[in-house]
Amino acid sequence: MNTASTKAPRGILLVGCGKMGGALLAGWSKRRLAGPFAVVEPAPVKLPREARRYSTPDALPKGLQPAAIVFAVKPQALGEVLPDYRRFAAGRTVFLTIAAGKTLGFFAHHLGTAAPVVRAMPNTPAAIGRGIAVACANPQVDAAGQALCRRLLAAVGEVAWIEDEALLDPVTAVSGSGPAYVFLLIECLAEAGVAVGLPEALAMKLARATVAGAGELAQLAPEDAAQLRRNVTSPGGTTEAALAILMGAEGLGPLLRRAVAAATRRSRELAE
């Protein structure tokens, strides 16, 4: 991008290039989505060749009118960040946010009611192109803006759309926070293996490979998860003995329901 130009070409402006922002940018570059890519990020970061970093929004080229501005900053910072981008709300720019808990109304307050905004919740498997994002658009987003946001999100995984913004709170609790639950499962499964005599390194290797393999099977198999579980469970066998604990009154199901409910409540609190 030529900072000396009086009118920069339309492209994608990414605000924040941490883990999720960096994953998105890498996906866009890999999929060869239309650039150029400008990144507002105060810290030095490794960028694709076609991306240019600016330390502050004031350093952006004059005349820049990006097709999309993607906000990948922490939710608590958005109130201070958004006013610098209000000047783009009057043009052809669509705003895409991946910040948890910040509603479409929050963006309308800071960017103006005419700003087209898509709110999305991706998750961390986006880093390997295996994420899933759920998105919701305000009425100002036209078909072209929605299609562009779909392409941006699909560069790192699957995309689903909803009309009821309130569903993004449980979405955040299930898929946004969900990878942490799976990582904890790996930790706990490995610790349980050590407790019954396995060497620590072997227990962790078995836990990681088992969870990864089971997840891939669940993704590719025609059966649903319940049937896959039944396929592994022989009557009177070892799996049945373990599932009697995990599926009990105080087992995994009730525990996860409480956990997801707590995460949903916290997502709603962040919007207040």
Protein backbone atom coordinates (compact mmCIF):
# COMPACT_ATOMS: atom_id res chain seq x y z
CA MET A 1 0.00 0.00 0.00
CA ASN A 2 1.45 3.35 -1.02
CA THR A 3 1.18 5.84 1.83
CA ALA A 4 2.00 8.67 -0.58
CA SER A 5 -1.13 8.02 -2.65
CA THR A 6 -3.99 10.45 -2.20
CA LYS A 7 -6.49 7.66 -2.73
CA ALA A 8 -5.64 4.14 -1.65
CA PRO A 9 -7.37 1.20 -3.31
CA ARG A 10 -10.24 -0.50 -1.50
CA GLY A 11 -9.24 -3.51 0.52
CA ILE A 12 -9.56 -4.91 4.03
CA LEU A 13 -8.59 -2.99 7.16
CA LEU A 14 -7.89 -5.18 10.19
CA VAL A 15 -7.90 -3.45 13.56
CA GLY A 16 -5.97 -5.60 16.01
CA CYS A 17 -3.64 -8.42 15.02
CA GLY A 18 -3.49 -10.69 18.05
CA LYS A 19 -4.18 -14.41 17.89
CA MET A 20 -7.61 -14.26 16.29
CA GLY A 21 -6.84 -11.25 14.10
CA GLY A 22 -3.63 -12.91 12.98
CA ALA A 23 -5.48 -16.13 12.19
CA LEU A 24 -7.98 -14.23 10.06
CA LEU A 25 -5.25 -12.36 8.21
CA ALA A 26 -3.35 -15.59 7.52
CA GLY A 27 -6.54 -17.18 6.19
CA TRP A 28 -7.26 -14.23 3.91
CA SER A 29 -3.74 -14.35 2.53
CA LYS A 30 -3.86 -18.11 2.02
CA ARG A 31 -7.21 -17.90 0.24
CA ARG A 32 -5.93 -14.94 -1.82
CA LEU A 33 -8.87 -12.74 -0.92
CA ALA A 34 -8.92 -9.34 -2.57
CA GLY A 35 -6.42 -7.02 -0.89
CA PRO A 36 -4.56 -4.96 -0.10
CA PHE A 37 -4.65 -5.55 3.65
CA ALA A 38 -3.97 -2.74 6.09
CA VAL A 39 -3.44 -3.58 9.76
CA VAL A 40 -3.70 -1.18 12.68
CA GLU A 41 -1.61 -2.73 15.42
CA PRO A 42 0.78 -0.86 17.73
CA ALA A 43 3.00 -3.88 18.37
CA PRO A 44 5.35 -5.24 15.68
CA VAL A 45 3.85 -8.43 14.24
CA LYS A 46 4.68 -10.78 11.39
CA LEU A 47 2.44 -10.01 8.41
CA PRO A 48 1.89 -11.47 4.94
CA ARG A 49 3.73 -9.69 2.14
CA GLU A 50 0.55 -8.02 0.89
CA ALA A 51 -0.26 -6.48 4.30
CA ARG A 52 0.98 -3.17 5.67
CA ARG A 53 1.04 -2.32 9.37
CA TYR A 54 0.15 1.08 10.80
CA SER A 55 0.74 1.77 14.48
CA THR A 56 -2.28 4.09 14.86
CA PRO A 57 -5.39 4.91 12.81
CA ASP A 58 -4.00 8.42 12.28
CA ALA A 59 -1.21 6.90 10.18
CA LEU A 60 -3.61 5.33 7.67
CA PRO A 61 -3.35 6.65 4.08
CA LYS A 62 -5.51 9.63 3.24
CA GLY A 63 -8.41 8.71 1.00
CA LEU A 64 -8.54 5.12 2.29
CA GLN A 65 -12.04 3.66 1.84
CA PRO A 66 -11.79 -0.02 2.77
CA ALA A 67 -14.43 -2.47 1.63
CA ALA A 68 -14.49 -3.85 5.17
CA ILE A 69 -13.08 -2.94 8.56
CA VAL A 70 -12.62 -5.92 10.86
CA PHE A 71 -12.37 -5.27 14.60
CA ALA A 72 -10.31 -7.94 16.37
CA VAL A 73 -9.48 -6.06 19.56
CA LYS A 74 -10.45 -6.93 23.13
CA PRO A 75 -14.07 -6.03 23.97
CA GLN A 76 -13.07 -3.70 26.80
CA ALA A 77 -10.99 -1.60 24.38
CA LEU A 78 -13.68 -1.06 21.76
CA GLY A 79 -15.22 1.99 23.37
CA GLU A 80 -11.94 3.86 22.92
CA VAL A 81 -11.13 2.37 19.52
CA LEU A 82 -14.37 2.86 17.57
CA PRO A 83 -14.54 6.68 17.41
CA ASP A 84 -11.41 6.73 15.22
CA TYR A 85 -13.31 4.75 12.55
CA ARG A 86 -16.62 6.61 12.58
CA ARG A 87 -15.43 8.58 9.53
CA PHE A 88 -15.71 5.41 7.44
CA ALA A 89 -19.36 4.84 8.35
CA ALA A 90 -20.67 7.26 5.75
CA GLY A 91 -19.11 5.41 2.81
CA ARG A 92 -19.31 1.92 1.33
CA THR A 93 -17.49 0.22 4.20
CA VAL A 94 -19.02 -2.70 6.12
CA PHE A 95 -17.86 -3.24 9.70
CA LEU A 96 -17.20 -6.77 10.97
CA THR A 97 -16.61 -7.34 14.67
CA ILE A 98 -15.48 -10.49 16.47
CA ALA A 99 -15.53 -8.96 19.96
CA ALA A 100 -17.53 -10.98 22.48
CA GLY A 101 -20.47 -9.32 24.19
CA LYS A 102 -20.51 -6.04 22.26
CA THR A 103 -23.90 -5.70 20.63
CA LEU A 104 -24.99 -4.20 17.34
CA GLY A 105 -26.51 -1.39 19.38
CA PHE A 106 -23.11 -0.69 20.93
CA PHE A 107 -21.64 -0.24 17.47
CA ALA A 108 -24.53 1.93 16.35
CA HIS A 109 -23.88 4.18 19.34
CA HIS A 110 -20.20 4.62 18.48
CA LEU A 111 -20.31 4.50 14.66
CA GLY A 112 -23.76 5.94 13.96
CA THR A 113 -27.04 4.24 13.12
CA ALA A 114 -26.29 4.24 9.38
CA ALA A 115 -23.19 2.04 9.76
CA PRO A 116 -23.57 -1.49 8.34
CA VAL A 117 -22.29 -3.87 11.03
CA VAL A 118 -21.88 -7.64 11.15
CA ARG A 119 -21.26 -9.15 14.56
CA ALA A 120 -19.57 -12.55 14.54
CA MET A 121 -18.25 -15.07 17.03
CA PRO A 122 -15.45 -17.26 15.64
CA ASN A 123 -13.32 -19.66 17.67
CA THR A 124 -9.64 -20.49 18.01
CA PRO A 125 -9.48 -23.49 15.62
CA ALA A 126 -9.55 -20.73 13.01
CA ALA A 127 -5.77 -20.75 13.50
CA ILE A 128 -5.64 -24.01 11.51
CA GLY A 129 -8.56 -23.25 9.21
CA ARG A 130 -10.95 -25.44 11.21
CA GLY A 131 -12.93 -22.80 13.07
CA ILE A 132 -16.61 -22.05 13.02
CA ALA A 133 -18.15 -18.59 13.20
CA VAL A 134 -21.74 -17.53 13.76
CA ALA A 135 -22.69 -14.09 12.41
CA CYS A 136 -25.56 -11.64 12.70
CA ALA A 137 -26.02 -8.52 10.54
CA ASN A 138 -27.86 -5.32 11.26
CA PRO A 139 -30.46 -4.07 8.73
CA GLN A 140 -27.96 -1.67 7.13
CA VAL A 141 -25.85 -4.54 5.75
CA ASP A 142 -26.71 -5.19 2.10
CA ALA A 143 -26.25 -8.44 0.20
CA ALA A 144 -22.79 -7.47 -1.01
CA GLY A 145 -21.64 -6.57 2.49
CA GLN A 146 -22.94 -9.83 3.91
CA ALA A 147 -21.28 -11.81 1.13
CA LEU A 148 -17.95 -10.08 1.80
CA CYS A 149 -18.15 -10.82 5.52
CA ARG A 150 -19.04 -14.42 4.73
CA ARG A 151 -15.89 -14.74 2.59
CA LEU A 152 -13.73 -13.17 5.30
CA LEU A 153 -15.01 -15.58 7.95
CA ALA A 154 -15.07 -18.63 5.67
CA ALA A 155 -11.34 -18.20 5.04
CA VAL A 156 -10.74 -19.82 8.45
CA GLY A 157 -13.61 -22.29 8.73
CA GLU A 158 -17.36 -22.77 8.60
CA VAL A 159 -19.89 -19.93 8.84
CA ALA A 160 -23.48 -19.91 10.08
CA TRP A 161 -25.87 -16.95 10.14
CA ILE A 162 -28.59 -16.07 12.60
CA GLU A 163 -31.21 -13.32 12.66
CA ASP A 164 -31.72 -13.19 16.43
CA GLU A 165 -28.70 -11.41 17.91
CA ALA A 166 -29.53 -12.72 21.40
CA LEU A 167 -28.45 -16.20 20.25
CA LEU A 168 -24.85 -14.99 20.05
CA ASP A 169 -24.59 -15.27 23.85
CA PRO A 170 -25.16 -19.05 23.92
CA VAL A 171 -23.15 -19.36 20.70
CA THR A 172 -20.25 -17.73 22.53
CA ALA A 173 -20.71 -20.15 25.41
CA VAL A 174 -20.78 -23.25 23.18
CA SER A 175 -18.40 -22.65 20.28
CA GLY A 176 -16.52 -19.50 21.26
CA SER A 177 -15.47 -20.85 24.64
CA GLY A 178 -15.87 -24.50 23.64
CA PRO A 179 -12.26 -25.17 22.58
CA ALA A 180 -11.16 -24.47 26.16
CA TYR A 181 -13.55 -27.15 27.40
CA VAL A 182 -12.01 -29.65 24.97
CA PHE A 183 -8.47 -28.70 26.01
CA LEU A 184 -9.48 -29.20 29.63
CA LEU A 185 -10.87 -32.62 28.70
CA ILE A 186 -7.46 -33.53 27.29
CA GLU A 187 -5.77 -32.36 30.49
CA CYS A 188 -8.17 -34.29 32.71
CA LEU A 189 -8.04 -37.45 30.60
CA ALA A 190 -4.24 -37.42 30.74
CA GLU A 191 -4.27 -36.84 34.51
CA ALA A 192 -6.71 -39.72 34.93
CA GLY A 193 -4.36 -41.94 32.93
CA VAL A 194 -1.45 -41.02 35.17
CA ALA A 195 -3.61 -41.77 38.21
CA VAL A 196 -4.06 -45.39 37.04
CA GLY A 197 -0.38 -45.90 36.31
CA LEU A 198 0.47 -44.49 32.86
CA PRO A 199 3.68 -42.48 32.40
CA GLU A 200 2.82 -38.79 32.11
CA ALA A 201 4.13 -38.33 28.55
CA LEU A 202 2.30 -41.39 27.27
CA ALA A 203 -0.93 -40.39 29.01
CA MET A 204 -0.85 -36.96 27.38
CA LYS A 205 -0.03 -38.45 23.96
CA LEU A 206 -2.96 -40.85 24.25
CA ALA A 207 -5.34 -38.13 25.42
CA ARG A 208 -4.43 -35.67 22.68
CA ALA A 209 -4.56 -38.25 19.90
CA THR A 210 -7.81 -39.74 21.15
CA VAL A 211 -9.64 -36.42 21.40
CA ALA A 212 -8.30 -35.23 18.05
CA GLY A 213 -9.15 -38.50 16.33
CA ALA A 214 -12.61 -38.71 17.87
CA GLY A 215 -13.31 -35.13 16.84
CA GLU A 216 -12.31 -35.85 13.27
CA LEU A 217 -14.47 -38.98 13.24
CA ALA A 218 -17.42 -36.97 14.55
CA GLN A 219 -16.84 -34.42 11.79
CA LEU A 220 -16.65 -36.95 8.96
CA ALA A 221 -18.91 -39.83 9.99
CA PRO A 222 -22.53 -39.94 8.79
CA GLU A 223 -23.74 -40.98 12.26
CA ASP A 224 -24.55 -38.47 14.96
CA ALA A 225 -22.52 -38.23 18.18
CA ALA A 226 -24.93 -40.40 20.17
CA GLN A 227 -24.67 -43.22 17.66
CA LEU A 228 -20.89 -42.94 17.52
CA ARG A 229 -20.85 -43.26 21.31
CA ARG A 230 -23.06 -46.36 21.15
CA ASN A 231 -20.79 -47.86 18.49
CA VAL A 232 -17.86 -47.78 20.94
CA THR A 233 -19.84 -49.09 23.92
CA SER A 234 -19.97 -52.86 24.26
CA PRO A 235 -22.45 -54.23 26.82
CA GLY A 236 -20.63 -55.07 30.03
CA GLY A 237 -17.34 -53.65 28.70
CA THR A 238 -14.85 -51.07 29.88
CA THR A 239 -16.46 -48.13 28.04
CA GLU A 240 -19.84 -48.88 29.58
CA ALA A 241 -18.26 -48.88 33.05
CA ALA A 242 -16.75 -45.43 32.43
CA LEU A 243 -19.93 -44.02 30.88
CA ALA A 244 -21.93 -45.08 33.94
CA ILE A 245 -19.94 -42.41 35.77
CA LEU A 246 -19.84 -39.77 33.02
CA MET A 247 -23.55 -40.08 32.23
CA GLY A 248 -24.67 -40.20 35.85
CA ALA A 249 -26.72 -37.60 37.72
CA GLU A 250 -23.56 -35.66 38.60
CA GLY A 251 -21.73 -36.54 35.40
CA LEU A 252 -20.52 -34.70 32.35
CA GLY A 253 -23.94 -33.65 30.99
CA PRO A 254 -25.14 -31.66 34.03
CA LEU A 255 -21.64 -30.24 34.54
CA LEU A 256 -21.44 -28.94 30.98
CA ARG A 257 -24.96 -27.51 31.18
CA ARG A 258 -23.92 -25.49 34.23
CA ALA A 259 -20.70 -24.40 32.56
CA VAL A 260 -22.39 -23.26 29.35
CA ALA A 261 -25.08 -21.46 31.36
CA ALA A 262 -22.38 -19.59 33.30
CA ALA A 263 -20.59 -18.58 30.10
CA THR A 264 -23.88 -17.43 28.56
CA ARG A 265 -24.63 -15.26 31.60
CA ARG A 266 -21.16 -13.73 31.42
CA SER A 267 -21.56 -12.96 27.72
CA ARG A 268 -24.79 -11.09 28.50
CA GLU A 269 -23.09 -9.20 31.35
CA LEU A 270 -20.37 -8.00 28.96
CA ALA A 271 -23.05 -6.30 26.87
CA GLU A 272 -24.29 -4.25 29.80
